[in-house]
Amino acid sequence: MLERFVGPRYRQLARNWLPTVGMWGTVGALGLVWATDWRLILDWVPYINGKFKKDD
């Protein structure tokens, strides 16, 4: 269905831009973690969650 609207030229352009978009997405996500409360986000990562136990 999508191939009816997207021609071969645009498929090739999307294939060429995919690594760039992925890299910028990764940089943006890491920037978001850095700019916000990193503990709030990294508490959801299983490996890192066990390293920073809260002292109650």
PDB file of N, CA and C in Angstrom:
ATOM      1  N   MET A   1       0.827  -1.189   0.000  1.00  0.00           N
ATOM      2  CA  MET A   1       0.000   0.000   0.000  1.00  0.00           C
ATOM      3  C   MET A   1       0.872   1.254   0.000  1.00  0.00           C
ATOM      4  N   LEU A   2       1.921   1.225   0.831  1.00  0.00           N
ATOM      5  CA  LEU A   2       2.794   2.395   0.921  1.00  0.00           C
ATOM      6  C   LEU A   2       3.603   2.587  -0.358  1.00  0.00           C
ATOM      7  N   GLU A   3       3.906   1.504  -1.044  1.00  0.00           N
ATOM      8  CA  GLU A   3       4.691   1.609  -2.278  1.00  0.00           C
ATOM      9  C   GLU A   3       3.933   2.339  -3.379  1.00  0.00           C
ATOM     10  N   ARG A   4       2.629   2.404  -3.273  1.00  0.00           N
ATOM     11  CA  ARG A   4       1.843   3.136  -4.248  1.00  0.00           C
ATOM     12  C   ARG A   4       2.112   4.641  -4.150  1.00  0.00           C
ATOM     13  N   PHE A   5       2.394   5.128  -2.945  1.00  0.00           N
ATOM     14  CA  PHE A   5       2.615   6.562  -2.727  1.00  0.00           C
ATOM     15  C   PHE A   5       4.093   6.941  -2.731  1.00  0.00           C
ATOM     16  N   VAL A   6       4.952   6.014  -2.370  1.00  0.00           N
ATOM     17  CA  VAL A   6       6.385   6.285  -2.259  1.00  0.00           C
ATOM     18  C   VAL A   6       7.101   5.587  -3.415  1.00  0.00           C
ATOM     19  N   GLY A   7       7.738   6.375  -4.254  1.00  0.00           N
ATOM     20  CA  GLY A   7       8.436   5.821  -5.400  1.00  0.00           C
ATOM     21  C   GLY A   7       9.825   5.328  -5.042  1.00  0.00           C
ATOM     22  N   PRO A   8      10.526   4.763  -6.007  1.00  0.00           N
ATOM     23  CA  PRO A   8      11.870   4.226  -5.739  1.00  0.00           C
ATOM     24  C   PRO A   8      12.871   5.302  -5.337  1.00  0.00           C
ATOM     25  N   ARG A   9      12.693   6.519  -5.837  1.00  0.00           N
ATOM     26  CA  ARG A   9      13.620   7.603  -5.472  1.00  0.00           C
ATOM     27  C   ARG A   9      13.531   7.914  -3.983  1.00  0.00           C
ATOM     28  N   TYR A  10      12.319   7.981  -3.464  1.00  0.00           N
ATOM     29  CA  TYR A  10      12.139   8.315  -2.052  1.00  0.00           C
ATOM     30  C   TYR A  10      12.531   7.156  -1.140  1.00  0.00           C
ATOM     31  N   ARG A  11      12.367   5.932  -1.610  1.00  0.00           N
ATOM     32  CA  ARG A  11      12.854   4.791  -0.831  1.00  0.00           C
ATOM     33  C   ARG A  11      14.364   4.826  -0.715  1.00  0.00           C
ATOM     34  N   GLN A  12      15.047   5.183  -1.799  1.00  0.00           N
ATOM     35  CA  GLN A  12      16.506   5.281  -1.763  1.00  0.00           C
ATOM     36  C   GLN A  12      16.949   6.427  -0.856  1.00  0.00           C
ATOM     37  N   LEU A  13      16.259   7.554  -0.925  1.00  0.00           N
ATOM     38  CA  LEU A  13      16.592   8.671  -0.032  1.00  0.00           C
ATOM     39  C   LEU A  13      16.391   8.282   1.428  1.00  0.00           C
ATOM     40  N   ALA A  14      15.299   7.594   1.726  1.00  0.00           N
ATOM     41  CA  ALA A  14      15.055   7.165   3.111  1.00  0.00           C
ATOM     42  C   ALA A  14      16.125   6.183   3.565  1.00  0.00           C
ATOM     43  N   ARG A  15      16.546   5.290   2.680  1.00  0.00           N
ATOM     44  CA  ARG A  15      17.592   4.324   3.023  1.00  0.00           C
ATOM     45  C   ARG A  15      18.919   5.033   3.287  1.00  0.00           C
ATOM     46  N   ASN A  16      19.193   6.093   2.539  1.00  0.00           N
ATOM     47  CA  ASN A  16      20.437   6.841   2.742  1.00  0.00           C
ATOM     48  C   ASN A  16      20.415   7.650   4.036  1.00  0.00           C
ATOM     49  N   TRP A  17      19.251   8.179   4.413  1.00  0.00           N
ATOM     50  CA  TRP A  17      19.151   9.030   5.590  1.00  0.00           C
ATOM     51  C   TRP A  17      18.940   8.249   6.883  1.00  0.00           C
ATOM     52  N   LEU A  18      18.639   6.967   6.804  1.00  0.00           N
ATOM     53  CA  LEU A  18      18.337   6.184   7.995  1.00  0.00           C
ATOM     54  C   LEU A  18      19.475   6.188   9.029  1.00  0.00           C
ATOM     55  N   PRO A  19      20.746   5.981   8.670  1.00  0.00           N
ATOM     56  CA  PRO A  19      21.802   6.040   9.694  1.00  0.00           C
ATOM     57  C   PRO A  19      21.941   7.423  10.346  1.00  0.00           C
ATOM     58  N   THR A  20      21.766   8.473   9.548  1.00  0.00           N
ATOM     59  CA  THR A  20      21.875   9.828  10.090  1.00  0.00           C
ATOM     60  C   THR A  20      20.748  10.114  11.073  1.00  0.00           C
ATOM     61  N   VAL A  21      19.549   9.742  10.702  1.00  0.00           N
ATOM     62  CA  VAL A  21      18.395   9.953  11.588  1.00  0.00           C
ATOM     63  C   VAL A  21      18.547   9.124  12.862  1.00  0.00           C
ATOM     64  N   GLY A  22      19.042   7.906  12.731  1.00  0.00           N
ATOM     65  CA  GLY A  22      19.268   7.076  13.910  1.00  0.00           C
ATOM     66  C   GLY A  22      20.312   7.661  14.851  1.00  0.00           C
ATOM     67  N   MET A  23      21.385   8.202  14.278  1.00  0.00           N
ATOM     68  CA  MET A  23      22.433   8.801  15.106  1.00  0.00           C
ATOM     69  C   MET A  23      21.925  10.047  15.820  1.00  0.00           C
ATOM     70  N   TRP A  24      21.212  10.919  15.096  1.00  0.00           N
ATOM     71  CA  TRP A  24      20.673  12.118  15.728  1.00  0.00           C
ATOM     72  C   TRP A  24      19.617  11.774  16.775  1.00  0.00           C
ATOM     73  N   GLY A  25      18.858  10.717  16.544  1.00  0.00           N
ATOM     74  CA  GLY A  25      17.892  10.271  17.548  1.00  0.00           C
ATOM     75  C   GLY A  25      18.578   9.795  18.813  1.00  0.00           C
ATOM     76  N   THR A  26      19.681   9.074  18.645  1.00  0.00           N
ATOM     77  CA  THR A  26      20.451   8.612  19.800  1.00  0.00           C
ATOM     78  C   THR A  26      21.064   9.784  20.561  1.00  0.00           C
ATOM     79  N   VAL A  27      21.625  10.731  19.827  1.00  0.00           N
ATOM     80  CA  VAL A  27      22.213  11.917  20.464  1.00  0.00           C
ATOM     81  C   VAL A  27      21.132  12.715  21.190  1.00  0.00           C
ATOM     82  N   GLY A  28      19.967  12.839  20.581  1.00  0.00           N
ATOM     83  CA  GLY A  28      18.868  13.558  21.222  1.00  0.00           C
ATOM     84  C   GLY A  28      18.395  12.866  22.484  1.00  0.00           C
ATOM     85  N   ALA A  29      18.295  11.539  22.452  1.00  0.00           N
ATOM     86  CA  ALA A  29      17.868  10.799  23.641  1.00  0.00           C
ATOM     87  C   ALA A  29      18.898  10.927  24.761  1.00  0.00           C
ATOM     88  N   LEU A  30      20.182  10.815  24.413  1.00  0.00           N
ATOM     89  CA  LEU A  30      21.219  10.996  25.445  1.00  0.00           C
ATOM     90  C   LEU A  30      21.240  12.422  25.974  1.00  0.00           C
ATOM     91  N   GLY A  31      21.002  13.391  25.103  1.00  0.00           N
ATOM     92  CA  GLY A  31      20.913  14.786  25.559  1.00  0.00           C
ATOM     93  C   GLY A  31      19.742  15.000  26.499  1.00  0.00           C
ATOM     94  N   LEU A  32      18.631  14.327  26.235  1.00  0.00           N
ATOM     95  CA  LEU A  32      17.470  14.431  27.118  1.00  0.00           C
ATOM     96  C   LEU A  32      17.772  13.841  28.486  1.00  0.00           C
ATOM     97  N   VAL A  33      18.455  12.689  28.507  1.00  0.00           N
ATOM     98  CA  VAL A  33      18.841  12.079  29.779  1.00  0.00           C
ATOM     99  C   VAL A  33      19.808  12.991  30.524  1.00  0.00           C
ATOM    100  N   TRP A  34      20.729  13.596  29.813  1.00  0.00           N
ATOM    101  CA  TRP A  34      21.709  14.477  30.451  1.00  0.00           C
ATOM    102  C   TRP A  34      21.039  15.744  31.009  1.00  0.00           C
ATOM    103  N   ALA A  35      20.087  16.311  30.266  1.00  0.00           N
ATOM    104  CA  ALA A  35      19.476  17.581  30.658  1.00  0.00           C
ATOM    105  C   ALA A  35      18.427  17.413  31.750  1.00  0.00           C
ATOM    106  N   THR A  36      17.850  16.235  31.869  1.00  0.00           N
ATOM    107  CA  THR A  36      16.824  16.016  32.886  1.00  0.00           C
ATOM    108  C   THR A  36      17.434  15.296  34.075  1.00  0.00           C
ATOM    109  N   ASP A  37      16.592  14.891  34.967  1.00  0.00           N
ATOM    110  CA  ASP A  37      17.034  14.134  36.134  1.00  0.00           C
ATOM    111  C   ASP A  37      17.422  12.732  35.680  1.00  0.00           C
ATOM    112  N   TRP A  38      18.717  12.457  35.568  1.00  0.00           N
ATOM    113  CA  TRP A  38      19.179  11.193  34.997  1.00  0.00           C
ATOM    114  C   TRP A  38      18.761  10.000  35.830  1.00  0.00           C
ATOM    115  N   ARG A  39      18.639  10.162  37.140  1.00  0.00           N
ATOM    116  CA  ARG A  39      18.202   9.045  37.984  1.00  0.00           C
ATOM    117  C   ARG A  39      16.769   8.654  37.674  1.00  0.00           C
ATOM    118  N   LEU A  40      15.934   9.619  37.357  1.00  0.00           N
ATOM    119  CA  LEU A  40      14.531   9.356  37.045  1.00  0.00           C
ATOM    120  C   LEU A  40      14.408   8.465  35.818  1.00  0.00           C
ATOM    121  N   ILE A  41      15.225   8.710  34.809  1.00  0.00           N
ATOM    122  CA  ILE A  41      15.160   7.934  33.573  1.00  0.00           C
ATOM    123  C   ILE A  41      15.938   6.629  33.700  1.00  0.00           C
ATOM    124  N   LEU A  42      17.130   6.675  34.278  1.00  0.00           N
ATOM    125  CA  LEU A  42      17.973   5.483  34.333  1.00  0.00           C
ATOM    126  C   LEU A  42      17.522   4.477  35.384  1.00  0.00           C
ATOM    127  N   ASP A  43      16.579   4.826  36.243  1.00  0.00           N
ATOM    128  CA  ASP A  43      16.015   3.839  37.161  1.00  0.00           C
ATOM    129  C   ASP A  43      15.229   2.773  36.423  1.00  0.00           C
ATOM    130  N   TRP A  44      14.832   3.025  35.190  1.00  0.00           N
ATOM    131  CA  TRP A  44      14.096   2.045  34.395  1.00  0.00           C
ATOM    132  C   TRP A  44      15.024   1.073  33.679  1.00  0.00           C
ATOM    133  N   VAL A  45      16.331   1.335  33.647  1.00  0.00           N
ATOM    134  CA  VAL A  45      17.293   0.431  33.003  1.00  0.00           C
ATOM    135  C   VAL A  45      17.689  -0.624  34.033  1.00  0.00           C
ATOM    136  N   PRO A  46      17.447  -1.906  33.749  1.00  0.00           N
ATOM    137  CA  PRO A  46      17.648  -2.938  34.778  1.00  0.00           C
ATOM    138  C   PRO A  46      19.070  -3.015  35.334  1.00  0.00           C
ATOM    139  N   TYR A  47      20.097  -2.960  34.495  1.00  0.00           N
ATOM    140  CA  TYR A  47      21.471  -3.101  34.987  1.00  0.00           C
ATOM    141  C   TYR A  47      21.881  -1.918  35.862  1.00  0.00           C
ATOM    142  N   ILE A  48      21.523  -0.730  35.445  1.00  0.00           N
ATOM    143  CA  ILE A  48      21.924   0.474  36.170  1.00  0.00           C
ATOM    144  C   ILE A  48      21.067   0.663  37.419  1.00  0.00           C
ATOM    145  N   ASN A  49      19.841   0.175  37.391  1.00  0.00           N
ATOM    146  CA  ASN A  49      18.932   0.346  38.518  1.00  0.00           C
ATOM    147  C   ASN A  49      19.503  -0.269  39.794  1.00  0.00           C
ATOM    148  N   GLY A  50      20.182  -1.406  39.714  1.00  0.00           N
ATOM    149  CA  GLY A  50      20.727  -2.070  40.896  1.00  0.00           C
ATOM    150  C   GLY A  50      21.969  -1.399  41.443  1.00  0.00           C
ATOM    151  N   LYS A  51      22.642  -0.572  40.677  1.00  0.00           N
ATOM    152  CA  LYS A  51      23.884   0.055  41.132  1.00  0.00           C
ATOM    153  C   LYS A  51      23.652   1.214  42.090  1.00  0.00           C
ATOM    154  N   PHE A  52      22.501   1.866  41.995  1.00  0.00           N
ATOM    155  CA  PHE A  52      22.229   3.061  42.800  1.00  0.00           C
ATOM    156  C   PHE A  52      21.056   2.817  43.729  1.00  0.00           C
ATOM    157  N   LYS A  53      21.277   2.022  44.742  1.00  0.00           N
ATOM    158  CA  LYS A  53      20.221   1.773  45.722  1.00  0.00           C
ATOM    159  C   LYS A  53      20.078   2.983  46.633  1.00  0.00           C
ATOM    160  N   LYS A  54      18.839   3.292  46.989  1.00  0.00           N
ATOM    161  CA  LYS A  54      18.581   4.426  47.873  1.00  0.00           C
ATOM    162  C   LYS A  54      18.728   3.973  49.324  1.00  0.00           C
ATOM    163  N   ASP A  55      19.377   4.797  50.120  1.00  0.00           N
ATOM    164  CA  ASP A  55      19.539   4.502  51.542  1.00  0.00           C
ATOM    165  C   ASP A  55      18.324   5.009  52.294  1.00  0.00           C
ATOM    166  N   ASP A  56      17.512   4.084  52.762  1.00  0.00           N
ATOM    167  CA  ASP A  56      16.303   4.500  53.519  1.00  0.00           C
ATOM    168  C   ASP A  56      16.477   4.278  54.987  1.00  0.00           C
TER     169      ASP A  56
END
